[in-house]
Amino acid sequence: MWNAPKEMKSSMDNLRTELYGERAYFKNALKQAKSKSKASSRIAQEIQPLSILNDSIKTLMREFRDLEVPFLDTPGEAEDLDIEKSGRVSLRGIYAPMDLWRRFTWLHKKDDAYSIASFTNRIQTRRVAYETSNTLTCIRQVQQDLKALDDRVYALEEHFLGERLDDGNVYVRRQYRERR
């Protein structure tokens, strides 16, 4: 109970930072996926996982705002704390001093804050898995393209230079003309 002020401020600040960071990531990722998928027909495959995770983040942000209201300096400030819209650089001083009522409130709501943090971590894990699978897909595509290019270069070497023997070297075919 004595650590409630530090615990509350650090938990709320960390949660806010993680949630807004994830929201910014998904906003940017959805924008990029939509612009990329205009050229391709795989719009649903690329955007669906991102939009599901984005909706989850929005829900967690609403829960976080509801959780944060009793601790704010001015209760109507919860909607104004959107960092992107308000342009606020620092969030220091937004929480009211901890009196006995707020300490008890924090003790009751601490588990909710940790639950939101746990869900946020799960979403971050899913995001990393999504990015990793997309990166692996791109690497495989590049690998296939390089293999096809290598095969083409191989065929061109044989066509222009001559015959390829078992040792992998290309030997020039010499054509002899009869002299008259």
N, C-alpha and C. Protein backbone atom coordinates (compact mmCIF):
# COMPACT_ATOMS: atom_id res chain seq x y z
N MET A 1 0.82 -1.19 0.00
CA MET A 1 0.00 0.00 0.00
C MET A 1 0.87 1.25 0.00
N TRP A 2 2.05 1.15 0.61
CA TRP A 2 2.94 2.32 0.64
C TRP A 2 3.57 2.56 -0.73
N ASN A 3 3.71 1.51 -1.51
CA ASN A 3 4.30 1.64 -2.85
C ASN A 3 3.27 1.98 -3.92
N ALA A 4 2.04 2.14 -3.53
CA ALA A 4 0.96 2.36 -4.50
C ALA A 4 1.21 3.54 -5.44
N PRO A 5 1.68 4.71 -4.96
CA PRO A 5 1.89 5.82 -5.90
C PRO A 5 2.90 5.49 -7.00
N LYS A 6 4.05 4.95 -6.61
CA LYS A 6 5.08 4.61 -7.60
C LYS A 6 4.60 3.49 -8.52
N GLU A 7 3.98 2.48 -7.91
CA GLU A 7 3.48 1.35 -8.69
C GLU A 7 2.44 1.79 -9.71
N MET A 8 1.51 2.61 -9.27
CA MET A 8 0.43 3.06 -10.15
C MET A 8 1.00 3.89 -11.30
N LYS A 9 1.84 4.85 -10.98
CA LYS A 9 2.37 5.72 -12.04
C LYS A 9 3.23 4.94 -13.03
N SER A 10 4.09 4.08 -12.55
CA SER A 10 4.94 3.34 -13.48
C SER A 10 4.11 2.36 -14.31
N SER A 11 3.15 1.69 -13.69
CA SER A 11 2.31 0.75 -14.43
C SER A 11 1.48 1.47 -15.49
N MET A 12 0.87 2.57 -15.10
CA MET A 12 0.04 3.32 -16.05
C MET A 12 0.88 3.92 -17.18
N ASP A 13 2.03 4.47 -16.85
CA ASP A 13 2.90 5.04 -17.89
C ASP A 13 3.39 3.96 -18.85
N ASN A 14 3.80 2.82 -18.30
CA ASN A 14 4.26 1.72 -19.17
C ASN A 14 3.13 1.21 -20.06
N LEU A 15 1.96 1.03 -19.47
CA LEU A 15 0.82 0.57 -20.25
C LEU A 15 0.47 1.55 -21.36
N ARG A 16 0.43 2.82 -21.01
CA ARG A 16 0.11 3.85 -22.00
C ARG A 16 1.13 3.82 -23.14
N THR A 17 2.41 3.74 -22.81
CA THR A 17 3.45 3.74 -23.82
C THR A 17 3.31 2.52 -24.74
N GLU A 18 3.11 1.35 -24.16
CA GLU A 18 2.98 0.14 -24.97
C GLU A 18 1.73 0.17 -25.84
N LEU A 19 0.61 0.59 -25.29
CA LEU A 19 -0.63 0.62 -26.06
C LEU A 19 -0.54 1.63 -27.21
N TYR A 20 -0.03 2.81 -26.94
CA TYR A 20 0.08 3.81 -28.01
C TYR A 20 1.12 3.39 -29.05
N GLY A 21 2.18 2.72 -28.61
CA GLY A 21 3.17 2.21 -29.56
C GLY A 21 2.57 1.15 -30.48
N GLU A 22 1.81 0.25 -29.90
CA GLU A 22 1.16 -0.79 -30.71
C GLU A 22 0.12 -0.18 -31.65
N ARG A 23 -0.62 0.78 -31.15
CA ARG A 23 -1.62 1.42 -32.01
C ARG A 23 -0.96 2.11 -33.19
N ALA A 24 0.15 2.80 -32.94
CA ALA A 24 0.87 3.47 -34.03
C ALA A 24 1.41 2.44 -35.03
N TYR A 25 1.92 1.32 -34.51
CA TYR A 25 2.44 0.28 -35.41
C TYR A 25 1.32 -0.24 -36.31
N PHE A 26 0.18 -0.60 -35.71
CA PHE A 26 -0.90 -1.18 -36.50
C PHE A 26 -1.50 -0.18 -37.48
N LYS A 27 -1.54 1.07 -37.08
CA LYS A 27 -2.03 2.10 -37.99
C LYS A 27 -1.14 2.16 -39.24
N ASN A 28 0.16 2.19 -39.01
CA ASN A 28 1.12 2.25 -40.11
C ASN A 28 1.10 0.95 -40.93
N ALA A 29 1.06 -0.19 -40.25
CA ALA A 29 1.08 -1.49 -40.95
C ALA A 29 -0.18 -1.67 -41.80
N LEU A 30 -1.34 -1.27 -41.28
CA LEU A 30 -2.57 -1.39 -42.07
C LEU A 30 -2.52 -0.48 -43.29
N LYS A 31 -1.99 0.71 -43.11
CA LYS A 31 -1.87 1.63 -44.23
C LYS A 31 -0.96 1.05 -45.31
N GLN A 32 0.17 0.48 -44.92
CA GLN A 32 1.09 -0.13 -45.87
C GLN A 32 0.48 -1.36 -46.54
N ALA A 33 -0.20 -2.19 -45.76
CA ALA A 33 -0.81 -3.41 -46.32
C ALA A 33 -1.90 -3.05 -47.32
N LYS A 34 -2.68 -2.02 -47.02
CA LYS A 34 -3.74 -1.61 -47.95
C LYS A 34 -3.14 -1.04 -49.23
N SER A 35 -2.07 -0.27 -49.12
CA SER A 35 -1.47 0.29 -50.33
C SER A 35 -0.79 -0.80 -51.16
N LYS A 36 -0.16 -1.80 -50.50
CA LYS A 36 0.47 -2.91 -51.22
C LYS A 36 -0.58 -3.81 -51.84
N SER A 37 -1.67 -4.04 -51.14
CA SER A 37 -2.63 -5.02 -51.60
C SER A 37 -3.54 -4.47 -52.69
N LYS A 38 -3.48 -3.18 -52.98
CA LYS A 38 -4.23 -2.65 -54.12
C LYS A 38 -3.69 -3.26 -55.41
N ALA A 39 -2.41 -3.54 -55.41
CA ALA A 39 -1.80 -4.12 -56.59
C ALA A 39 -2.02 -5.62 -56.66
N SER A 40 -2.26 -6.26 -55.53
CA SER A 40 -2.44 -7.72 -55.54
C SER A 40 -3.85 -8.08 -55.12
N SER A 41 -4.17 -9.34 -55.29
CA SER A 41 -5.52 -9.80 -54.94
C SER A 41 -5.57 -10.43 -53.56
N ARG A 42 -4.48 -10.38 -52.80
CA ARG A 42 -4.43 -11.02 -51.49
C ARG A 42 -4.80 -10.04 -50.37
N ILE A 43 -5.74 -9.15 -50.60
CA ILE A 43 -6.06 -8.11 -49.63
C ILE A 43 -6.56 -8.69 -48.31
N ALA A 44 -7.43 -9.69 -48.36
CA ALA A 44 -7.99 -10.25 -47.14
C ALA A 44 -6.95 -11.00 -46.32
N GLN A 45 -6.04 -11.69 -47.00
CA GLN A 45 -5.04 -12.48 -46.29
C GLN A 45 -4.07 -11.60 -45.52
N GLU A 46 -3.69 -10.46 -46.08
CA GLU A 46 -2.70 -9.61 -45.42
C GLU A 46 -3.32 -8.71 -44.37
N ILE A 47 -4.52 -8.23 -44.62
CA ILE A 47 -5.11 -7.22 -43.74
C ILE A 47 -5.88 -7.85 -42.58
N GLN A 48 -6.44 -9.02 -42.76
CA GLN A 48 -7.28 -9.61 -41.71
C GLN A 48 -6.56 -9.79 -40.37
N PRO A 49 -5.36 -10.41 -40.33
CA PRO A 49 -4.71 -10.55 -39.02
C PRO A 49 -4.37 -9.20 -38.39
N LEU A 50 -3.96 -8.25 -39.22
CA LEU A 50 -3.63 -6.93 -38.69
C LEU A 50 -4.86 -6.23 -38.13
N SER A 51 -5.98 -6.33 -38.83
CA SER A 51 -7.18 -5.64 -38.35
C SER A 51 -7.72 -6.28 -37.07
N ILE A 52 -7.58 -7.60 -36.95
CA ILE A 52 -8.02 -8.27 -35.72
C ILE A 52 -7.18 -7.80 -34.54
N LEU A 53 -5.86 -7.78 -34.72
CA LEU A 53 -4.98 -7.31 -33.64
C LEU A 53 -5.21 -5.83 -33.34
N ASN A 54 -5.47 -5.04 -34.38
CA ASN A 54 -5.74 -3.62 -34.19
C ASN A 54 -7.03 -3.42 -33.38
N ASP A 55 -8.06 -4.20 -33.67
CA ASP A 55 -9.31 -4.12 -32.90
C ASP A 55 -9.07 -4.50 -31.44
N SER A 56 -8.22 -5.48 -31.22
CA SER A 56 -7.89 -5.88 -29.85
C SER A 56 -7.20 -4.75 -29.10
N ILE A 57 -6.28 -4.08 -29.78
CA ILE A 57 -5.59 -2.94 -29.16
C ILE A 57 -6.57 -1.82 -28.83
N LYS A 58 -7.51 -1.55 -29.74
CA LYS A 58 -8.51 -0.51 -29.48
C LYS A 58 -9.34 -0.85 -28.25
N THR A 59 -9.72 -2.13 -28.12
CA THR A 59 -10.50 -2.57 -26.95
C THR A 59 -9.67 -2.39 -25.68
N LEU A 60 -8.41 -2.79 -25.73
CA LEU A 60 -7.54 -2.63 -24.55
C LEU A 60 -7.35 -1.16 -24.20
N MET A 61 -7.27 -0.29 -25.21
CA MET A 61 -7.12 1.14 -24.93
C MET A 61 -8.36 1.70 -24.23
N ARG A 62 -9.55 1.24 -24.66
CA ARG A 62 -10.77 1.67 -23.98
C ARG A 62 -10.78 1.21 -22.52
N GLU A 63 -10.38 -0.05 -22.31
CA GLU A 63 -10.31 -0.58 -20.94
C GLU A 63 -9.29 0.21 -20.11
N PHE A 64 -8.17 0.54 -20.74
CA PHE A 64 -7.14 1.30 -20.04
C PHE A 64 -7.65 2.69 -19.64
N ARG A 65 -8.34 3.35 -20.55
CA ARG A 65 -8.88 4.68 -20.23
C ARG A 65 -9.88 4.61 -19.07
N ASP A 66 -10.72 3.57 -19.09
CA ASP A 66 -11.67 3.40 -17.98
C ASP A 66 -10.94 3.13 -16.67
N LEU A 67 -9.87 2.36 -16.74
CA LEU A 67 -9.08 2.05 -15.55
C LEU A 67 -8.36 3.28 -15.03
N GLU A 68 -7.97 4.15 -15.91
CA GLU A 68 -7.14 5.30 -15.56
C GLU A 68 -7.93 6.47 -14.96
N VAL A 69 -9.20 6.56 -15.26
CA VAL A 69 -10.01 7.71 -14.87
C VAL A 69 -9.92 8.06 -13.38
N PRO A 70 -10.03 7.11 -12.43
CA PRO A 70 -9.99 7.50 -11.01
C PRO A 70 -8.65 8.10 -10.56
N PHE A 71 -7.61 7.91 -11.35
CA PHE A 71 -6.29 8.37 -10.93
C PHE A 71 -5.85 9.66 -11.61
N LEU A 72 -6.65 10.17 -12.53
CA LEU A 72 -6.27 11.38 -13.25
C LEU A 72 -6.47 12.62 -12.39
N ASP A 73 -5.69 13.64 -12.70
CA ASP A 73 -5.78 14.91 -11.99
C ASP A 73 -7.15 15.54 -12.23
N THR A 74 -7.56 15.57 -13.49
CA THR A 74 -8.91 16.01 -13.85
C THR A 74 -9.57 14.87 -14.60
N PRO A 75 -10.69 14.34 -14.09
CA PRO A 75 -11.31 13.14 -14.65
C PRO A 75 -11.68 13.24 -16.13
N GLY A 76 -12.01 14.42 -16.63
CA GLY A 76 -12.37 14.57 -18.04
C GLY A 76 -11.18 14.51 -18.97
N GLU A 77 -9.99 14.35 -18.41
CA GLU A 77 -8.76 14.41 -19.18
C GLU A 77 -8.45 13.11 -19.93
N ALA A 78 -9.18 12.03 -19.66
CA ALA A 78 -8.87 10.73 -20.26
C ALA A 78 -8.94 10.76 -21.78
N GLU A 79 -9.93 11.43 -22.33
CA GLU A 79 -10.06 11.49 -23.78
C GLU A 79 -9.05 12.46 -24.39
N ASP A 80 -8.62 13.45 -23.61
CA ASP A 80 -7.67 14.44 -24.11
C ASP A 80 -6.24 13.94 -24.11
N LEU A 81 -5.99 12.76 -23.55
CA LEU A 81 -4.63 12.28 -23.42
C LEU A 81 -4.13 11.51 -24.63
N ASP A 82 -4.86 11.61 -25.73
CA ASP A 82 -4.39 10.97 -26.95
C ASP A 82 -3.14 11.70 -27.40
N ILE A 83 -2.01 11.03 -27.30
CA ILE A 83 -0.71 11.66 -27.55
C ILE A 83 -0.62 12.19 -28.98
N GLU A 84 -1.14 11.42 -29.94
CA GLU A 84 -1.04 11.82 -31.34
C GLU A 84 -1.86 13.08 -31.63
N LYS A 85 -3.05 13.16 -31.04
CA LYS A 85 -3.93 14.29 -31.32
C LYS A 85 -3.55 15.53 -30.52
N SER A 86 -3.19 15.35 -29.26
CA SER A 86 -2.93 16.51 -28.40
C SER A 86 -1.53 17.08 -28.61
N GLY A 87 -0.62 16.26 -29.10
CA GLY A 87 0.74 16.73 -29.32
C GLY A 87 1.55 16.85 -28.04
N ARG A 88 1.06 16.26 -26.96
CA ARG A 88 1.78 16.29 -25.68
C ARG A 88 3.04 15.47 -25.77
N VAL A 89 4.11 16.01 -25.32
CA VAL A 89 5.37 15.28 -25.34
C VAL A 89 5.54 14.49 -24.05
N SER A 90 5.17 15.06 -22.94
CA SER A 90 5.36 14.40 -21.65
C SER A 90 4.02 14.17 -20.98
N LEU A 91 3.91 13.06 -20.29
CA LEU A 91 2.68 12.74 -19.56
C LEU A 91 2.82 12.96 -18.07
N ARG A 92 3.93 13.55 -17.66
CA ARG A 92 4.14 13.78 -16.23
C ARG A 92 3.13 14.80 -15.71
N GLY A 93 2.67 14.56 -14.51
CA GLY A 93 1.76 15.50 -13.88
C GLY A 93 0.31 15.29 -14.24
N ILE A 94 -0.01 14.22 -14.95
CA ILE A 94 -1.41 14.00 -15.30
C ILE A 94 -2.17 13.25 -14.22
N TYR A 95 -1.44 12.58 -13.34
CA TYR A 95 -2.08 11.81 -12.28
C TYR A 95 -2.18 12.64 -11.01
N ALA A 96 -3.29 12.47 -10.33
CA ALA A 96 -3.54 13.20 -9.10
C ALA A 96 -2.68 12.62 -7.97
N PRO A 97 -2.44 13.41 -6.94
CA PRO A 97 -1.70 12.87 -5.78
C PRO A 97 -2.49 11.70 -5.17
N MET A 98 -1.77 10.74 -4.67
CA MET A 98 -2.41 9.54 -4.12
C MET A 98 -2.89 9.78 -2.69
N ASP A 99 -4.18 9.83 -2.53
CA ASP A 99 -4.75 9.89 -1.19
C ASP A 99 -5.18 8.46 -0.80
N LEU A 100 -5.77 8.31 0.35
CA LEU A 100 -6.13 6.99 0.84
C LEU A 100 -7.15 6.31 -0.07
N TRP A 101 -8.13 7.06 -0.57
CA TRP A 101 -9.14 6.49 -1.46
C TRP A 101 -8.51 5.97 -2.75
N ARG A 102 -7.61 6.74 -3.33
CA ARG A 102 -6.94 6.31 -4.57
C ARG A 102 -6.03 5.10 -4.33
N ARG A 103 -5.42 5.04 -3.16
CA ARG A 103 -4.59 3.87 -2.86
C ARG A 103 -5.43 2.59 -2.80
N PHE A 104 -6.58 2.66 -2.15
CA PHE A 104 -7.47 1.49 -2.11
C PHE A 104 -8.00 1.16 -3.51
N THR A 105 -8.31 2.19 -4.26
CA THR A 105 -8.77 1.97 -5.63
C THR A 105 -7.69 1.27 -6.44
N TRP A 106 -6.44 1.70 -6.26
CA TRP A 106 -5.34 1.07 -6.99
C TRP A 106 -5.18 -0.40 -6.58
N LEU A 107 -5.32 -0.67 -5.28
CA LEU A 107 -5.21 -2.06 -4.83
C LEU A 107 -6.27 -2.95 -5.47
N HIS A 108 -7.47 -2.39 -5.68
CA HIS A 108 -8.54 -3.16 -6.30
C HIS A 108 -8.37 -3.27 -7.82
N LYS A 109 -7.78 -2.26 -8.44
CA LYS A 109 -7.67 -2.24 -9.90
C LYS A 109 -6.31 -2.67 -10.42
N LYS A 110 -5.39 -2.96 -9.52
CA LYS A 110 -4.04 -3.36 -9.93
C LYS A 110 -4.07 -4.61 -10.80
N ASP A 111 -4.90 -5.58 -10.43
CA ASP A 111 -4.99 -6.81 -11.22
C ASP A 111 -5.52 -6.53 -12.62
N ASP A 112 -6.44 -5.58 -12.74
CA ASP A 112 -6.94 -5.20 -14.07
C ASP A 112 -5.82 -4.60 -14.92
N ALA A 113 -4.99 -3.77 -14.30
CA ALA A 113 -3.86 -3.18 -15.03
C ALA A 113 -2.89 -4.25 -15.48
N TYR A 114 -2.60 -5.20 -14.63
CA TYR A 114 -1.69 -6.28 -15.00
C TYR A 114 -2.31 -7.19 -16.07
N SER A 115 -3.61 -7.34 -16.02
CA SER A 115 -4.30 -8.12 -17.04
C SER A 115 -4.20 -7.44 -18.41
N ILE A 116 -4.39 -6.14 -18.44
CA ILE A 116 -4.26 -5.38 -19.70
C ILE A 116 -2.82 -5.49 -20.21
N ALA A 117 -1.86 -5.41 -19.29
CA ALA A 117 -0.45 -5.54 -19.69
C ALA A 117 -0.18 -6.93 -20.26
N SER A 118 -0.77 -7.94 -19.67
CA SER A 118 -0.59 -9.31 -20.17
C SER A 118 -1.19 -9.47 -21.57
N PHE A 119 -2.39 -8.94 -21.78
CA PHE A 119 -3.01 -9.00 -23.11
C PHE A 119 -2.18 -8.23 -24.13
N THR A 120 -1.64 -7.10 -23.71
CA THR A 120 -0.80 -6.31 -24.62
C THR A 120 0.44 -7.11 -25.01
N ASN A 121 1.04 -7.79 -24.06
CA ASN A 121 2.21 -8.62 -24.37
C ASN A 121 1.86 -9.75 -25.33
N ARG A 122 0.68 -10.34 -25.17
CA ARG A 122 0.25 -11.40 -26.10
C ARG A 122 0.07 -10.85 -27.50
N ILE A 123 -0.50 -9.66 -27.59
CA ILE A 123 -0.70 -9.04 -28.91
C ILE A 123 0.66 -8.72 -29.54
N GLN A 124 1.60 -8.25 -28.72
CA GLN A 124 2.94 -7.97 -29.24
C GLN A 124 3.59 -9.26 -29.75
N THR A 125 3.39 -10.36 -29.03
CA THR A 125 3.94 -11.64 -29.47
C THR A 125 3.32 -12.08 -30.79
N ARG A 126 2.02 -11.92 -30.92
CA ARG A 126 1.35 -12.27 -32.19
C ARG A 126 1.83 -11.37 -33.32
N ARG A 127 2.06 -10.10 -33.03
CA ARG A 127 2.56 -9.18 -34.05
C ARG A 127 3.94 -9.60 -34.52
N VAL A 128 4.81 -9.97 -33.59
CA VAL A 128 6.15 -10.42 -33.95
C VAL A 128 6.06 -11.70 -34.78
N ALA A 129 5.16 -12.61 -34.42
CA ALA A 129 4.98 -13.84 -35.20
C ALA A 129 4.49 -13.52 -36.61
N TYR A 130 3.58 -12.57 -36.73
CA TYR A 130 3.08 -12.15 -38.04
C TYR A 130 4.21 -11.55 -38.88
N GLU A 131 4.99 -10.66 -38.28
CA GLU A 131 6.12 -10.05 -39.00
C GLU A 131 7.14 -11.11 -39.42
N THR A 132 7.40 -12.06 -38.53
CA THR A 132 8.37 -13.11 -38.84
C THR A 132 7.89 -13.98 -39.99
N SER A 133 6.62 -14.35 -39.98
CA SER A 133 6.11 -15.18 -41.08
C SER A 133 6.13 -14.42 -42.40
N ASN A 134 5.81 -13.13 -42.37
CA ASN A 134 5.88 -12.32 -43.59
C ASN A 134 7.31 -12.20 -44.08
N THR A 135 8.25 -12.03 -43.17
CA THR A 135 9.66 -11.93 -43.55
C THR A 135 10.14 -13.25 -44.15
N LEU A 136 9.76 -14.37 -43.55
CA LEU A 136 10.14 -15.67 -44.09
C LEU A 136 9.55 -15.90 -45.48
N THR A 137 8.31 -15.46 -45.67
CA THR A 137 7.69 -15.58 -46.99
C THR A 137 8.46 -14.77 -48.03
N CYS A 138 8.85 -13.56 -47.66
CA CYS A 138 9.64 -12.72 -48.58
C CYS A 138 11.00 -13.35 -48.87
N ILE A 139 11.64 -13.90 -47.86
CA ILE A 139 12.95 -14.53 -48.05
C ILE A 139 12.82 -15.75 -48.97
N ARG A 140 11.77 -16.54 -48.78
CA ARG A 140 11.56 -17.70 -49.66
C ARG A 140 11.33 -17.27 -51.10
N GLN A 141 10.57 -16.19 -51.27
CA GLN A 141 10.31 -15.69 -52.63
C GLN A 141 11.61 -15.21 -53.29
N VAL A 142 12.43 -14.51 -52.53
CA VAL A 142 13.72 -14.05 -53.06
C VAL A 142 14.60 -15.25 -53.37
N GLN A 143 14.57 -16.25 -52.53
CA GLN A 143 15.36 -17.46 -52.74
C GLN A 143 14.93 -18.16 -54.03
N GLN A 144 13.62 -18.24 -54.27
CA GLN A 144 13.12 -18.86 -55.50
C GLN A 144 13.53 -18.04 -56.72
N ASP A 145 13.44 -16.71 -56.60
CA ASP A 145 13.83 -15.85 -57.71
C ASP A 145 15.31 -15.99 -58.02
N LEU A 146 16.14 -16.07 -56.99
CA LEU A 146 17.59 -16.24 -57.20
C LEU A 146 17.90 -17.60 -57.83
N LYS A 147 17.18 -18.63 -57.44
CA LYS A 147 17.37 -19.95 -58.03
C LYS A 147 17.01 -19.91 -59.51
N ALA A 148 15.89 -19.27 -59.84
CA ALA A 148 15.47 -19.16 -61.25
C ALA A 148 16.50 -18.36 -62.04
N LEU A 149 17.02 -17.31 -61.45
CA LEU A 149 18.04 -16.50 -62.12
C LEU A 149 19.32 -17.30 -62.33
N ASP A 150 19.72 -18.07 -61.35
CA ASP A 150 20.90 -18.91 -61.47
C ASP A 150 20.72 -19.94 -62.59
N ASP A 151 19.52 -20.51 -62.68
CA ASP A 151 19.24 -21.46 -63.76
C ASP A 151 19.33 -20.80 -65.12
N ARG A 152 18.83 -19.57 -65.23
CA ARG A 152 18.91 -18.85 -66.50
C ARG A 152 20.35 -18.53 -66.88
N VAL A 153 21.13 -18.09 -65.89
CA VAL A 153 22.54 -17.79 -66.15
C VAL A 153 23.26 -19.07 -66.57
N TYR A 154 22.97 -20.15 -65.94
CA TYR A 154 23.56 -21.46 -66.28
C TYR A 154 23.26 -21.81 -67.74
N ALA A 155 21.98 -21.63 -68.13
CA ALA A 155 21.59 -21.95 -69.51
C ALA A 155 22.28 -21.01 -70.50
N LEU A 156 22.40 -19.74 -70.16
CA LEU A 156 23.07 -18.78 -71.05
C LEU A 156 24.55 -19.11 -71.20
N GLU A 157 25.20 -19.49 -70.12
CA GLU A 157 26.61 -19.87 -70.21
C GLU A 157 26.79 -21.04 -71.16
N GLU A 158 25.93 -22.03 -71.02
CA GLU A 158 26.03 -23.18 -71.91
C GLU A 158 25.77 -22.80 -73.36
N HIS A 159 24.80 -21.91 -73.56
CA HIS A 159 24.45 -21.52 -74.92
C HIS A 159 25.56 -20.72 -75.59
N PHE A 160 26.11 -19.75 -74.88
CA PHE A 160 27.11 -18.88 -75.49
C PHE A 160 28.53 -19.41 -75.42
N LEU A 161 28.87 -20.07 -74.35
CA LEU A 161 30.26 -20.45 -74.15
C LEU A 161 30.57 -21.88 -74.56
N GLY A 162 29.67 -22.75 -74.37
CA GLY A 162 29.99 -24.11 -74.75
C GLY A 162 29.37 -25.13 -73.83
N GLU A 163 30.08 -26.20 -73.63
CA GLU A 163 29.55 -27.35 -72.91
C GLU A 163 30.01 -27.35 -71.46
N ARG A 164 29.11 -27.71 -70.57
CA ARG A 164 29.44 -27.79 -69.15
C ARG A 164 29.69 -29.26 -68.82
N LEU A 165 30.83 -29.53 -68.24
CA LEU A 165 31.17 -30.91 -67.88
C LEU A 165 30.83 -31.18 -66.43
N ASP A 166 31.11 -32.39 -65.98
CA ASP A 166 30.75 -32.80 -64.61
C ASP A 166 31.44 -31.98 -63.54
N ASP A 167 32.60 -31.42 -63.83
CA ASP A 167 33.31 -30.66 -62.81
C ASP A 167 32.73 -29.26 -62.62
N GLY A 168 31.70 -28.87 -63.40
CA GLY A 168 31.04 -27.58 -63.26
C GLY A 168 31.64 -26.48 -64.09
N ASN A 169 32.77 -26.70 -64.72
CA ASN A 169 33.40 -25.68 -65.56
C ASN A 169 32.81 -25.73 -66.96
N VAL A 170 32.83 -24.58 -67.61
CA VAL A 170 32.32 -24.48 -68.97
C VAL A 170 33.52 -24.54 -69.91
N TYR A 171 33.44 -25.41 -70.90
CA TYR A 171 34.50 -25.53 -71.88
C TYR A 171 33.99 -25.06 -73.22
N VAL A 172 34.77 -24.25 -73.87
CA VAL A 172 34.37 -23.66 -75.15
C VAL A 172 34.45 -24.73 -76.23
N ARG A 173 33.42 -24.76 -77.03
CA ARG A 173 33.42 -25.65 -78.18
C ARG A 173 34.17 -24.97 -79.31
N ARG A 174 35.12 -25.61 -79.80
CA ARG A 174 35.87 -25.03 -80.91
C ARG A 174 35.36 -25.63 -82.21
N GLN A 175 35.16 -24.76 -83.12
CA GLN A 175 34.74 -25.22 -84.44
C GLN A 175 35.91 -25.06 -85.40
N TYR A 176 36.26 -26.14 -86.00
CA TYR A 176 37.38 -26.10 -86.95
C TYR A 176 36.82 -26.05 -88.36
N ARG A 177 37.43 -25.17 -89.14
CA ARG A 177 37.04 -25.06 -90.55
C ARG A 177 38.15 -25.68 -91.39
N GLU A 178 37.74 -26.27 -92.39
CA GLU A 178 38.75 -26.84 -93.29
C GLU A 178 39.35 -25.73 -94.15
N ARG A 179 40.63 -25.79 -94.30
CA ARG A 179 41.28 -24.79 -95.12
C ARG A 179 41.35 -25.28 -96.55
N ARG A 180 41.25 -24.43 -97.43
CA ARG A 180 41.34 -24.81 -98.85
C ARG A 180 42.59 -24.34 -99.47
